Amino acid sequence: QVQVVESGGGLVQPGGSLTLSCAASGITFSIYSMSWHRQAPGKERELVATISSSGGSTNYADSVKGRFTISRDNTKNTVYLQMNSLKPEDTAVYYCRAFLIRGAYWGQGTQVTVSS
């Protein structure tokens, strides 16, 4: 049974930092590319960052470039999203995805709220 579970969300003040974690099980984690997505109320889900299976290649949405960092630890079957200089517009449910060409697995999401 495949499980993708996000954690680390919460309430943070503008300018603050938060690190999300995503643990995957039931898959050969090291062959999957991973990505973080987010969905704010009333908006479509958007891609935030991706990381290749080895961790050697990363990509970011322009809106988070320079503030967010995606990383992974294949020994722990976990991908991370370090978020710095958070803004109110970063408020959303953040989702983790494990994907190959033939398909993908999604987590249930974790809420991030940036507010004073």
N, C-alpha and C. Protein backbone atom coordinates (compact mmCIF):
# COMPACT_ATOMS: atom_id res chain seq x y z
N GLN A 1 0.85 -1.19 0.00
CA GLN A 1 0.00 0.00 0.00
C GLN A 1 0.89 1.25 0.00
N VAL A 2 0.63 2.13 -0.96
CA VAL A 2 1.42 3.35 -1.07
C VAL A 2 0.84 4.41 -0.14
N GLN A 3 1.73 5.06 0.58
CA GLN A 3 1.32 6.19 1.44
C GLN A 3 2.27 7.36 1.22
N VAL A 4 1.69 8.53 1.07
CA VAL A 4 2.45 9.78 0.97
C VAL A 4 1.86 10.71 2.02
N VAL A 5 2.66 11.08 3.01
CA VAL A 5 2.14 11.80 4.16
C VAL A 5 2.94 13.07 4.42
N GLU A 6 2.26 14.20 4.33
CA GLU A 6 2.90 15.49 4.61
C GLU A 6 2.75 15.84 6.08
N SER A 7 3.69 16.63 6.57
CA SER A 7 3.63 17.14 7.94
C SER A 7 4.41 18.44 8.02
N GLY A 8 4.21 19.16 9.12
CA GLY A 8 4.98 20.37 9.35
C GLY A 8 4.24 21.67 9.10
N GLY A 9 3.01 21.59 8.64
CA GLY A 9 2.26 22.81 8.41
C GLY A 9 1.88 23.48 9.71
N GLY A 10 1.36 24.70 9.59
CA GLY A 10 0.94 25.43 10.78
C GLY A 10 0.75 26.90 10.50
N LEU A 11 0.65 27.66 11.59
CA LEU A 11 0.49 29.10 11.52
C LEU A 11 1.84 29.78 11.75
N VAL A 12 2.20 30.70 10.88
CA VAL A 12 3.47 31.40 11.00
C VAL A 12 3.25 32.87 10.65
N GLN A 13 4.02 33.75 11.26
CA GLN A 13 3.90 35.17 10.96
C GLN A 13 4.60 35.52 9.65
N PRO A 14 4.17 36.58 9.00
CA PRO A 14 4.86 37.03 7.79
C PRO A 14 6.35 37.25 8.08
N GLY A 15 7.18 36.80 7.14
CA GLY A 15 8.62 36.89 7.32
C GLY A 15 9.21 35.69 8.02
N GLY A 16 8.37 34.83 8.54
CA GLY A 16 8.84 33.65 9.25
C GLY A 16 9.21 32.49 8.34
N SER A 17 9.58 31.38 8.97
CA SER A 17 10.02 30.20 8.25
C SER A 17 9.26 28.96 8.72
N LEU A 18 9.20 27.99 7.83
CA LEU A 18 8.55 26.72 8.14
C LEU A 18 9.16 25.66 7.24
N THR A 19 9.30 24.46 7.77
CA THR A 19 9.79 23.35 6.94
C THR A 19 8.74 22.26 6.89
N LEU A 20 8.32 21.90 5.69
CA LEU A 20 7.40 20.81 5.48
C LEU A 20 8.18 19.53 5.19
N SER A 21 7.63 18.42 5.63
CA SER A 21 8.20 17.11 5.33
C SER A 21 7.15 16.25 4.64
N CYS A 22 7.62 15.33 3.82
CA CYS A 22 6.73 14.40 3.13
C CYS A 22 7.42 13.04 3.13
N ALA A 23 6.80 12.09 3.82
CA ALA A 23 7.34 10.74 3.89
C ALA A 23 6.53 9.81 3.01
N ALA A 24 7.22 9.04 2.20
CA ALA A 24 6.56 8.10 1.30
C ALA A 24 6.91 6.67 1.66
N SER A 25 5.95 5.79 1.56
CA SER A 25 6.19 4.37 1.81
C SER A 25 5.42 3.55 0.77
N GLY A 26 5.86 2.30 0.60
CA GLY A 26 5.20 1.43 -0.37
C GLY A 26 5.66 1.62 -1.79
N ILE A 27 6.66 2.48 -2.00
CA ILE A 27 7.24 2.71 -3.32
C ILE A 27 8.76 2.67 -3.20
N THR A 28 9.42 2.49 -4.35
CA THR A 28 10.87 2.61 -4.37
C THR A 28 11.18 4.09 -4.50
N PHE A 29 11.29 4.73 -3.35
CA PHE A 29 11.34 6.18 -3.28
C PHE A 29 12.44 6.76 -4.17
N SER A 30 13.57 6.10 -4.23
CA SER A 30 14.74 6.68 -4.90
C SER A 30 14.60 6.78 -6.41
N ILE A 31 13.58 6.16 -7.01
CA ILE A 31 13.41 6.28 -8.46
C ILE A 31 12.34 7.31 -8.82
N TYR A 32 11.65 7.83 -7.82
CA TYR A 32 10.57 8.79 -8.06
C TYR A 32 11.07 10.23 -8.00
N SER A 33 10.67 11.04 -8.97
CA SER A 33 10.78 12.47 -8.81
C SER A 33 9.70 12.90 -7.82
N MET A 34 9.96 14.00 -7.14
CA MET A 34 9.02 14.49 -6.12
C MET A 34 8.70 15.95 -6.37
N SER A 35 7.53 16.36 -5.96
CA SER A 35 7.16 17.75 -6.14
C SER A 35 6.26 18.21 -5.00
N TRP A 36 6.27 19.50 -4.78
CA TRP A 36 5.35 20.15 -3.86
C TRP A 36 4.41 21.04 -4.68
N HIS A 37 3.16 21.03 -4.29
CA HIS A 37 2.14 21.85 -4.91
C HIS A 37 1.36 22.54 -3.79
N ARG A 38 0.62 23.56 -4.16
CA ARG A 38 -0.23 24.22 -3.16
C ARG A 38 -1.53 24.69 -3.80
N GLN A 39 -2.53 24.80 -2.94
CA GLN A 39 -3.83 25.26 -3.40
C GLN A 39 -4.43 26.19 -2.36
N ALA A 40 -4.62 27.43 -2.77
CA ALA A 40 -5.25 28.42 -1.91
C ALA A 40 -6.76 28.39 -2.13
N PRO A 41 -7.53 28.86 -1.17
CA PRO A 41 -9.00 28.85 -1.32
C PRO A 41 -9.43 29.59 -2.58
N GLY A 42 -10.27 28.94 -3.37
CA GLY A 42 -10.79 29.55 -4.57
C GLY A 42 -9.84 29.59 -5.74
N LYS A 43 -8.68 28.97 -5.58
CA LYS A 43 -7.69 28.98 -6.66
C LYS A 43 -7.35 27.56 -7.08
N GLU A 44 -6.76 27.45 -8.27
CA GLU A 44 -6.34 26.15 -8.75
C GLU A 44 -5.04 25.72 -8.06
N ARG A 45 -4.84 24.42 -8.01
CA ARG A 45 -3.60 23.90 -7.46
C ARG A 45 -2.44 24.30 -8.37
N GLU A 46 -1.35 24.74 -7.76
CA GLU A 46 -0.19 25.16 -8.54
C GLU A 46 1.07 24.43 -8.09
N LEU A 47 1.97 24.25 -9.05
CA LEU A 47 3.25 23.62 -8.77
C LEU A 47 4.16 24.61 -8.07
N VAL A 48 4.79 24.18 -6.99
CA VAL A 48 5.70 25.03 -6.22
C VAL A 48 7.16 24.69 -6.52
N ALA A 49 7.49 23.40 -6.45
CA ALA A 49 8.89 22.99 -6.65
C ALA A 49 8.95 21.52 -7.01
N THR A 50 9.97 21.15 -7.76
CA THR A 50 10.21 19.75 -8.09
C THR A 50 11.66 19.40 -7.82
N ILE A 51 11.90 18.11 -7.60
CA ILE A 51 13.26 17.62 -7.40
C ILE A 51 13.37 16.26 -8.09
N SER A 52 14.48 16.04 -8.75
CA SER A 52 14.69 14.78 -9.46
C SER A 52 14.92 13.63 -8.48
N SER A 53 14.93 12.42 -9.00
CA SER A 53 15.05 11.24 -8.15
C SER A 53 16.34 11.23 -7.34
N SER A 54 17.41 11.72 -7.93
CA SER A 54 18.70 11.75 -7.23
C SER A 54 18.87 12.99 -6.37
N GLY A 55 18.02 13.98 -6.59
CA GLY A 55 18.17 15.25 -5.89
C GLY A 55 19.08 16.23 -6.61
N GLY A 56 19.61 15.83 -7.74
CA GLY A 56 20.57 16.67 -8.43
C GLY A 56 19.98 17.81 -9.24
N SER A 57 18.67 17.76 -9.45
CA SER A 57 18.02 18.80 -10.24
C SER A 57 16.77 19.29 -9.52
N THR A 58 16.63 20.60 -9.43
CA THR A 58 15.46 21.19 -8.80
C THR A 58 14.90 22.31 -9.67
N ASN A 59 13.62 22.56 -9.50
CA ASN A 59 12.97 23.67 -10.21
C ASN A 59 11.94 24.31 -9.28
N TYR A 60 11.73 25.61 -9.48
CA TYR A 60 10.84 26.36 -8.60
C TYR A 60 9.91 27.26 -9.41
N ALA A 61 8.73 27.48 -8.84
CA ALA A 61 7.85 28.50 -9.40
C ALA A 61 8.49 29.87 -9.14
N ASP A 62 8.25 30.79 -10.06
CA ASP A 62 8.84 32.12 -9.91
C ASP A 62 8.43 32.78 -8.59
N SER A 63 7.23 32.48 -8.14
CA SER A 63 6.70 33.12 -6.93
C SER A 63 7.44 32.71 -5.65
N VAL A 64 8.17 31.61 -5.69
CA VAL A 64 8.86 31.13 -4.49
C VAL A 64 10.37 31.07 -4.66
N LYS A 65 10.85 31.34 -5.86
CA LYS A 65 12.28 31.24 -6.15
C LYS A 65 13.06 32.17 -5.23
N GLY A 66 14.11 31.63 -4.62
CA GLY A 66 14.93 32.42 -3.70
C GLY A 66 14.44 32.39 -2.26
N ARG A 67 13.22 31.90 -2.05
CA ARG A 67 12.67 31.83 -0.69
C ARG A 67 12.46 30.39 -0.23
N PHE A 68 12.11 29.51 -1.15
CA PHE A 68 11.84 28.10 -0.81
C PHE A 68 12.96 27.22 -1.33
N THR A 69 13.22 26.13 -0.62
CA THR A 69 14.22 25.15 -1.04
C THR A 69 13.65 23.75 -0.88
N ILE A 70 13.68 22.99 -1.96
CA ILE A 70 13.24 21.60 -1.92
C ILE A 70 14.48 20.71 -1.81
N SER A 71 14.37 19.68 -1.00
CA SER A 71 15.49 18.74 -0.84
C SER A 71 14.90 17.37 -0.51
N ARG A 72 15.74 16.36 -0.56
CA ARG A 72 15.27 15.01 -0.26
C ARG A 72 16.37 14.20 0.39
N ASP A 73 15.94 13.20 1.16
CA ASP A 73 16.84 12.24 1.78
C ASP A 73 16.35 10.86 1.39
N ASN A 74 17.01 10.24 0.43
CA ASN A 74 16.56 8.93 -0.06
C ASN A 74 16.77 7.82 0.96
N THR A 75 17.59 8.07 1.97
CA THR A 75 17.77 7.06 3.02
C THR A 75 16.58 7.07 3.99
N LYS A 76 15.85 8.18 4.00
CA LYS A 76 14.69 8.31 4.89
C LYS A 76 13.37 8.33 4.12
N ASN A 77 13.43 8.17 2.80
CA ASN A 77 12.23 8.21 1.96
C ASN A 77 11.41 9.49 2.21
N THR A 78 12.11 10.60 2.31
CA THR A 78 11.47 11.85 2.70
C THR A 78 11.93 13.00 1.82
N VAL A 79 11.00 13.87 1.47
CA VAL A 79 11.30 15.10 0.76
C VAL A 79 10.88 16.27 1.65
N TYR A 80 11.61 17.37 1.54
CA TYR A 80 11.39 18.52 2.41
C TYR A 80 11.12 19.77 1.57
N LEU A 81 10.45 20.72 2.19
CA LEU A 81 10.29 22.04 1.59
C LEU A 81 10.59 23.07 2.68
N GLN A 82 11.75 23.68 2.58
CA GLN A 82 12.13 24.74 3.51
C GLN A 82 11.58 26.05 2.96
N MET A 83 10.76 26.73 3.76
CA MET A 83 10.11 27.95 3.31
C MET A 83 10.55 29.11 4.20
N ASN A 84 11.19 30.09 3.61
CA ASN A 84 11.67 31.27 4.32
C ASN A 84 10.96 32.51 3.80
N SER A 85 11.05 33.58 4.57
CA SER A 85 10.46 34.87 4.18
C SER A 85 9.01 34.69 3.72
N LEU A 86 8.25 34.00 4.52
CA LEU A 86 6.88 33.67 4.13
C LEU A 86 6.00 34.92 4.06
N LYS A 87 5.08 34.87 3.10
CA LYS A 87 4.17 35.98 2.85
C LYS A 87 2.72 35.50 3.03
N PRO A 88 1.81 36.41 3.30
CA PRO A 88 0.40 35.98 3.42
C PRO A 88 -0.09 35.23 2.18
N GLU A 89 0.41 35.59 1.02
CA GLU A 89 -0.03 34.92 -0.21
C GLU A 89 0.52 33.50 -0.34
N ASP A 90 1.38 33.08 0.57
CA ASP A 90 1.82 31.69 0.60
C ASP A 90 0.83 30.79 1.33
N THR A 91 -0.18 31.39 1.93
CA THR A 91 -1.19 30.62 2.64
C THR A 91 -1.92 29.68 1.68
N ALA A 92 -1.92 28.40 2.02
CA ALA A 92 -2.51 27.39 1.14
C ALA A 92 -2.41 26.03 1.81
N VAL A 93 -3.08 25.05 1.22
CA VAL A 93 -2.82 23.66 1.56
C VAL A 93 -1.69 23.18 0.65
N TYR A 94 -0.66 22.63 1.26
CA TYR A 94 0.51 22.17 0.51
C TYR A 94 0.46 20.65 0.35
N TYR A 95 0.63 20.21 -0.88
CA TYR A 95 0.56 18.80 -1.22
C TYR A 95 1.89 18.30 -1.76
N CYS A 96 2.18 17.07 -1.44
CA CYS A 96 3.38 16.39 -1.92
C CYS A 96 2.96 15.37 -2.98
N ARG A 97 3.78 15.20 -3.99
CA ARG A 97 3.49 14.24 -5.05
C ARG A 97 4.75 13.46 -5.38
N ALA A 98 4.58 12.17 -5.50
CA ALA A 98 5.64 11.28 -6.00
C ALA A 98 5.24 10.87 -7.41
N PHE A 99 6.12 11.07 -8.38
CA PHE A 99 5.67 10.79 -9.74
C PHE A 99 6.74 10.17 -10.63
N LEU A 100 6.24 9.34 -11.53
CA LEU A 100 6.99 8.78 -12.65
C LEU A 100 6.18 9.08 -13.91
N ILE A 101 6.72 8.73 -15.06
CA ILE A 101 5.99 8.96 -16.31
C ILE A 101 4.65 8.23 -16.28
N ARG A 102 4.64 7.03 -15.67
CA ARG A 102 3.43 6.20 -15.73
C ARG A 102 2.38 6.56 -14.69
N GLY A 103 2.66 7.46 -13.77
CA GLY A 103 1.65 7.79 -12.79
C GLY A 103 2.21 8.52 -11.59
N ALA A 104 1.31 8.88 -10.67
CA ALA A 104 1.72 9.66 -9.52
C ALA A 104 0.90 9.30 -8.29
N TYR A 105 1.48 9.59 -7.14
CA TYR A 105 0.80 9.43 -5.86
C TYR A 105 0.81 10.77 -5.13
N TRP A 106 -0.34 11.12 -4.57
CA TRP A 106 -0.49 12.39 -3.86
C TRP A 106 -0.68 12.15 -2.37
N GLY A 107 -0.21 13.11 -1.58
CA GLY A 107 -0.52 13.13 -0.17
C GLY A 107 -1.84 13.84 0.09
N GLN A 108 -2.21 13.89 1.36
CA GLN A 108 -3.51 14.46 1.72
C GLN A 108 -3.43 15.97 1.96
N GLY A 109 -2.23 16.50 2.05
CA GLY A 109 -2.03 17.93 2.22
C GLY A 109 -1.83 18.35 3.66
N THR A 110 -1.16 19.48 3.81
CA THR A 110 -0.95 20.09 5.12
C THR A 110 -1.17 21.60 4.99
N GLN A 111 -1.89 22.17 5.94
CA GLN A 111 -2.25 23.58 5.86
C GLN A 111 -1.11 24.47 6.33
N VAL A 112 -0.81 25.48 5.54
CA VAL A 112 0.13 26.52 5.93
C VAL A 112 -0.62 27.85 5.91
N THR A 113 -0.59 28.54 7.04
CA THR A 113 -1.25 29.84 7.15
C THR A 113 -0.23 30.87 7.57
N VAL A 114 -0.10 31.92 6.77
CA VAL A 114 0.83 33.00 7.07
C VAL A 114 0.01 34.23 7.43
N SER A 115 0.06 34.59 8.71
CA SER A 115 -0.78 35.68 9.19
C SER A 115 -0.23 36.23 10.49
N SER A 116 -0.43 37.53 10.69
CA SER A 116 -0.02 38.14 11.93
C SER A 116 -1.18 38.16 12.93
